[in-house]
Amino acid sequence: MLHAIVGYKMEVIKQIESVLADLAGKQVERPRGTLSGHAAGLPFEVLVHDRLRGAWPETCRRHFEMLNEILLANPLSTSPAQRLALFGPASVAGLVARGARPMGLWTPSNLFEEKQNDTAESIILNRPIFHLDNNPVTLVDVKSHNNAKEGQPPNIMSAGKLAKACKQGLQEGSIEFDIVYVSVKFDPATSTLDCTEVRTVSIFKVASPLYINWAAAEQVQFVPHKVDQDYQDSKEHWARAFLQTFCDSLERKIG
């Protein structure tokens, strides 16, 4: 049985690894239709989130659930600006909140639903309060890989969104977020998908320069179960290095 994890006495990524350590060998029901795109990975997204929610029952929510709960807990914040302020510093709000127009149109009877372009599937807060100011967040995204297919490196996230968050975090004086990817490899069976390997990686521990595919909507691309995790310096140093990579890549694109 999973026990609730209290506090951040060790790196959150290490805690996530511990929580998910026994998923290899587990089976999920095979979804109907072709095993491609988001549909193939959805059962594993649910499985991973259920484990995380079991470990952090008070502070872990699906991305869209977190949006709704924070807004529901702050009914006096009604304008887009007031609502965006609930999501902490600009660097965090840009990753967690949605745009000004959707934030303004939100009502308790018109709740947010899941969107594929949300930054993460799950969000873990540092403290169980419904305000993200001085409340570091860990954004957890699940990337599944069908062992029966070679495939190309998956889209990780928008390079522009990541660059903006890094720039804002540096201007604010610290990076108050982590972006973690859970890579789930699976073998497809007749009625199940059989998990063969799980690996948890932080984008801030990738030492090699990230590849930006400008032809694929400026997406950062890498294979989570293969990427290195050798970076040992601070998130702030990593952010500066990524901004240099982003600018150099953009210069080559337009040059």
Protein backbone atom coordinates (compact mmCIF):
# COMPACT_ATOMS: atom_id res chain seq x y z
CA MET A 1 0.00 0.00 0.00
CA LEU A 2 1.22 3.49 -0.84
CA HIS A 3 1.71 5.90 2.00
CA ALA A 4 1.28 9.65 1.67
CA ILE A 5 4.57 11.43 1.19
CA VAL A 6 4.83 14.52 3.36
CA GLY A 7 7.16 17.40 2.57
CA TYR A 8 10.05 17.66 0.14
CA LYS A 9 12.87 16.19 2.22
CA MET A 10 14.44 14.74 -0.92
CA GLU A 11 14.13 15.61 -4.58
CA VAL A 12 10.58 15.17 -5.82
CA ILE A 13 11.84 13.27 -8.84
CA LYS A 14 13.38 10.66 -6.53
CA GLN A 15 10.08 10.34 -4.71
CA ILE A 16 8.25 9.89 -8.01
CA GLU A 17 10.72 7.18 -9.02
CA SER A 18 10.04 5.39 -5.74
CA VAL A 19 6.26 5.63 -6.18
CA LEU A 20 6.41 4.24 -9.73
CA ALA A 21 9.18 1.69 -9.16
CA ASP A 22 6.96 -1.38 -9.45
CA LEU A 23 4.98 -0.40 -12.56
CA ALA A 24 7.19 -2.50 -14.86
CA GLY A 25 5.30 -5.77 -15.32
CA LYS A 26 1.89 -4.19 -14.75
CA GLN A 27 -0.86 -4.51 -17.34
CA VAL A 28 -3.56 -2.07 -18.40
CA GLU A 29 -6.59 -2.73 -20.55
CA ARG A 30 -5.87 -2.23 -24.22
CA PRO A 31 -7.88 0.71 -25.63
CA ARG A 32 -10.09 0.13 -28.62
CA GLY A 33 -8.93 1.13 -32.08
CA THR A 34 -5.45 1.78 -33.41
CA LEU A 35 -2.61 2.13 -30.94
CA SER A 36 -1.44 5.56 -31.98
CA GLY A 37 -1.17 9.05 -30.59
CA HIS A 38 -2.73 10.09 -27.31
CA ALA A 39 -5.17 7.16 -27.14
CA ALA A 40 -2.40 4.59 -26.74
CA GLY A 41 -0.86 6.37 -23.78
CA LEU A 42 -4.06 7.33 -21.98
CA PRO A 43 -4.33 4.16 -19.83
CA PHE A 44 -0.78 4.73 -18.58
CA GLU A 45 -1.47 8.42 -17.88
CA VAL A 46 -4.35 7.31 -15.65
CA LEU A 47 -2.23 4.63 -13.96
CA VAL A 48 0.64 7.01 -13.26
CA HIS A 49 -1.65 9.75 -11.96
CA ASP A 50 -3.47 7.35 -9.64
CA ARG A 51 -0.11 6.39 -8.12
CA LEU A 52 0.96 10.00 -7.71
CA ARG A 53 -2.39 10.99 -6.21
CA GLY A 54 -2.08 8.09 -3.78
CA ALA A 55 1.32 9.36 -2.66
CA TRP A 56 0.38 13.07 -2.57
CA PRO A 57 -3.39 13.01 -1.86
CA GLU A 58 -3.55 16.64 -0.74
CA THR A 59 -1.26 18.25 -3.30
CA CYS A 60 -1.46 16.23 -6.53
CA ARG A 61 -4.15 16.82 -9.13
CA ARG A 62 -4.65 16.42 -12.86
CA HIS A 63 -3.63 19.66 -14.58
CA PHE A 64 -7.18 20.74 -15.39
CA GLU A 65 -8.37 19.71 -11.91
CA MET A 66 -5.73 21.94 -10.35
CA LEU A 67 -6.95 24.88 -12.42
CA ASN A 68 -10.54 24.32 -11.33
CA GLU A 69 -9.75 23.79 -7.65
CA ILE A 70 -7.62 26.92 -7.39
CA LEU A 71 -10.30 29.03 -9.06
CA LEU A 72 -13.09 27.48 -6.98
CA ALA A 73 -11.12 28.19 -3.80
CA ASN A 74 -10.80 31.87 -4.71
CA PRO A 75 -14.30 33.05 -5.72
CA LEU A 76 -13.50 36.73 -5.19
CA SER A 77 -10.92 36.61 -7.99
CA THR A 78 -13.10 37.23 -11.03
CA SER A 79 -11.07 39.16 -13.61
CA PRO A 80 -8.47 37.43 -15.82
CA ALA A 81 -5.67 39.39 -14.12
CA GLN A 82 -6.85 38.43 -10.62
CA ARG A 83 -7.18 34.80 -11.61
CA LEU A 84 -3.79 34.65 -13.31
CA ALA A 85 -2.25 36.08 -10.12
CA LEU A 86 -3.45 32.96 -8.24
CA PHE A 87 -0.98 30.90 -10.25
CA GLY A 88 2.10 32.45 -8.72
CA PRO A 89 5.03 34.09 -10.48
CA ALA A 90 4.76 34.66 -14.23
CA SER A 91 7.14 31.78 -14.95
CA VAL A 92 4.84 29.30 -13.19
CA ALA A 93 1.57 30.87 -14.33
CA GLY A 94 2.69 30.63 -17.95
CA LEU A 95 3.10 26.88 -17.59
CA VAL A 96 0.06 26.13 -15.41
CA ALA A 97 -2.67 28.67 -16.22
CA ARG A 98 -4.49 29.01 -19.51
CA GLY A 99 -4.74 32.21 -21.54
CA ALA A 100 -6.39 35.40 -20.35
CA ARG A 101 -9.56 34.83 -22.37
CA PRO A 102 -10.25 31.27 -21.10
CA MET A 103 -9.41 32.39 -17.57
CA GLY A 104 -11.92 35.21 -17.88
CA LEU A 105 -14.65 32.96 -19.27
CA TRP A 106 -14.27 30.32 -16.55
CA THR A 107 -17.21 29.94 -14.14
CA PRO A 108 -18.11 27.30 -11.52
CA SER A 109 -20.69 25.99 -13.99
CA ASN A 110 -18.23 26.11 -16.89
CA LEU A 111 -15.25 24.20 -15.52
CA PHE A 112 -12.06 23.54 -17.42
CA GLU A 113 -11.68 20.13 -19.06
CA GLU A 114 -8.54 18.28 -20.02
CA LYS A 115 -6.61 19.66 -22.99
CA GLN A 116 -3.84 17.83 -24.80
CA ASN A 117 -1.71 20.97 -25.01
CA ASP A 118 -1.66 21.49 -21.24
CA THR A 119 1.95 21.43 -20.03
CA ALA A 120 1.42 18.33 -17.90
CA GLU A 121 -0.94 15.51 -17.04
CA SER A 122 -0.41 15.90 -13.30
CA ILE A 123 0.79 18.69 -11.02
CA ILE A 124 2.29 18.23 -7.56
CA LEU A 125 2.39 21.25 -5.25
CA ASN A 126 4.94 21.78 -2.52
CA ARG A 127 2.24 22.76 0.01
CA PRO A 128 -1.51 21.97 0.13
CA ILE A 129 -2.75 25.50 -0.42
CA PHE A 130 -4.80 26.71 -3.36
CA HIS A 131 -2.47 29.50 -4.40
CA LEU A 132 0.82 29.05 -6.23
CA ASP A 133 2.71 32.07 -4.91
CA ASN A 134 5.74 30.75 -2.97
CA ASN A 135 4.45 27.23 -3.65
CA PRO A 136 6.87 25.43 -6.01
CA VAL A 137 5.28 23.03 -8.47
CA THR A 138 6.32 19.84 -10.22
CA LEU A 139 4.67 19.29 -13.57
CA VAL A 140 4.52 15.61 -14.55
CA ASP A 141 3.95 14.54 -18.16
CA VAL A 142 3.65 10.89 -19.27
CA LYS A 143 5.24 9.75 -22.53
CA SER A 144 4.42 6.22 -23.64
CA HIS A 145 6.41 4.16 -26.16
CA ASN A 146 5.17 1.12 -28.05
CA ASN A 147 8.06 -1.36 -28.20
CA ALA A 148 6.65 -2.73 -31.45
CA LYS A 149 7.30 0.58 -33.22
CA GLU A 150 10.51 2.50 -33.74
CA GLY A 151 8.98 5.93 -34.16
CA GLN A 152 10.55 9.37 -34.02
CA PRO A 153 11.50 11.26 -30.86
CA PRO A 154 8.26 12.57 -29.35
CA ASN A 155 7.32 16.20 -28.98
CA ILE A 156 8.23 17.18 -25.43
CA MET A 157 6.97 20.76 -25.17
CA SER A 158 7.03 24.08 -26.98
CA ALA A 159 10.54 25.51 -27.01
CA GLY A 160 9.05 29.00 -26.97
CA LYS A 161 6.99 28.25 -23.87
CA LEU A 162 10.00 26.75 -22.10
CA ALA A 163 12.27 29.66 -23.09
CA LYS A 164 9.72 32.19 -21.82
CA ALA A 165 9.36 30.35 -18.50
CA CYS A 166 13.15 30.16 -18.11
CA LYS A 167 13.59 33.87 -18.89
CA GLN A 168 10.85 34.87 -16.45
CA GLY A 169 12.21 32.58 -13.74
CA LEU A 170 15.67 34.13 -14.06
CA GLN A 171 14.17 37.62 -13.91
CA GLU A 172 12.23 36.59 -10.79
CA GLY A 173 15.42 35.32 -9.16
CA SER A 174 14.73 31.58 -9.01
CA ILE A 175 13.12 28.73 -10.95
CA GLU A 176 10.10 27.68 -8.88
CA PHE A 177 9.07 24.71 -11.02
CA ASP A 178 10.32 21.40 -12.32
CA ILE A 179 9.15 19.58 -15.44
CA VAL A 180 9.31 15.80 -15.10
CA TYR A 181 8.65 13.18 -17.76
CA VAL A 182 7.59 9.63 -16.98
CA SER A 183 8.56 7.37 -19.86
CA VAL A 184 6.47 4.18 -20.04
CA LYS A 185 7.52 1.48 -22.51
CA PHE A 186 4.98 -1.23 -23.30
CA ASP A 187 4.36 -4.36 -25.34
CA PRO A 188 0.93 -4.58 -26.97
CA ALA A 189 -0.97 -7.81 -26.31
CA THR A 190 -4.41 -8.94 -27.49
CA SER A 191 -6.40 -7.40 -24.65
CA THR A 192 -3.73 -5.60 -22.61
CA LEU A 193 -0.78 -3.28 -22.81
CA ASP A 194 2.09 -4.74 -20.80
CA CYS A 195 4.43 -2.22 -19.18
CA THR A 196 8.07 -3.26 -19.62
CA GLU A 197 10.01 -0.25 -18.34
CA VAL A 198 9.41 3.02 -16.52
CA ARG A 199 11.92 5.86 -16.34
CA THR A 200 11.50 9.26 -14.70
CA VAL A 201 13.54 12.22 -15.97
CA SER A 202 13.73 15.94 -15.24
CA ILE A 203 14.21 18.37 -18.08
CA PHE A 204 16.60 20.29 -15.80
CA LYS A 205 18.95 17.31 -15.61
CA VAL A 206 19.43 16.90 -19.37
CA ALA A 207 23.07 17.85 -19.94
CA SER A 208 23.22 17.69 -23.73
CA PRO A 209 21.75 20.66 -25.67
CA LEU A 210 18.08 20.07 -26.39
CA TYR A 211 17.03 19.62 -30.00
CA ILE A 212 14.38 22.05 -31.25
CA ASN A 213 12.37 20.96 -34.29
CA TRP A 214 11.14 24.21 -35.80
CA ALA A 215 9.24 22.31 -38.51
CA ALA A 216 7.19 20.59 -35.80
CA ALA A 217 5.75 23.75 -34.24
CA GLU A 218 9.05 24.60 -32.50
CA GLN A 219 8.88 21.52 -30.30
CA VAL A 220 11.69 20.32 -28.08
CA GLN A 221 12.17 16.66 -28.97
CA PHE A 222 14.00 13.82 -27.20
CA VAL A 223 13.39 10.21 -26.21
CA PRO A 224 12.72 10.25 -22.44
CA HIS A 225 13.85 6.69 -21.79
CA LYS A 226 17.19 7.40 -23.53
CA VAL A 227 18.01 11.01 -22.68
CA ASP A 228 20.91 11.70 -20.30
CA GLN A 229 20.39 12.94 -16.75
CA ASP A 230 23.94 14.11 -16.14
CA TYR A 231 23.46 17.83 -15.48
CA GLN A 232 24.62 18.67 -11.97
CA ASP A 233 24.37 22.47 -11.78
CA SER A 234 21.40 24.56 -10.65
CA LYS A 235 18.13 25.00 -12.53
CA GLU A 236 19.05 28.65 -12.98
CA HIS A 237 22.31 27.72 -14.76
CA TRP A 238 20.41 25.21 -16.87
CA ALA A 239 17.87 27.90 -17.82
CA ARG A 240 20.63 30.23 -19.01
CA ALA A 241 22.16 27.43 -21.08
CA PHE A 242 18.79 26.58 -22.64
CA LEU A 243 18.12 30.21 -23.53
CA GLN A 244 21.47 30.26 -25.34
CA THR A 245 20.53 27.03 -27.16
CA PHE A 246 17.16 28.51 -28.09
CA CYS A 247 18.68 31.73 -29.44
CA ASP A 248 21.40 29.88 -31.38
CA SER A 249 18.84 27.51 -32.90
CA LEU A 250 16.52 30.38 -33.83
CA GLU A 251 19.42 32.26 -35.42
CA ARG A 252 20.28 29.23 -37.57
CA LYS A 253 16.64 28.90 -38.57
CA ILE A 254 16.25 32.47 -39.75
CA GLY A 255 19.85 32.89 -40.96
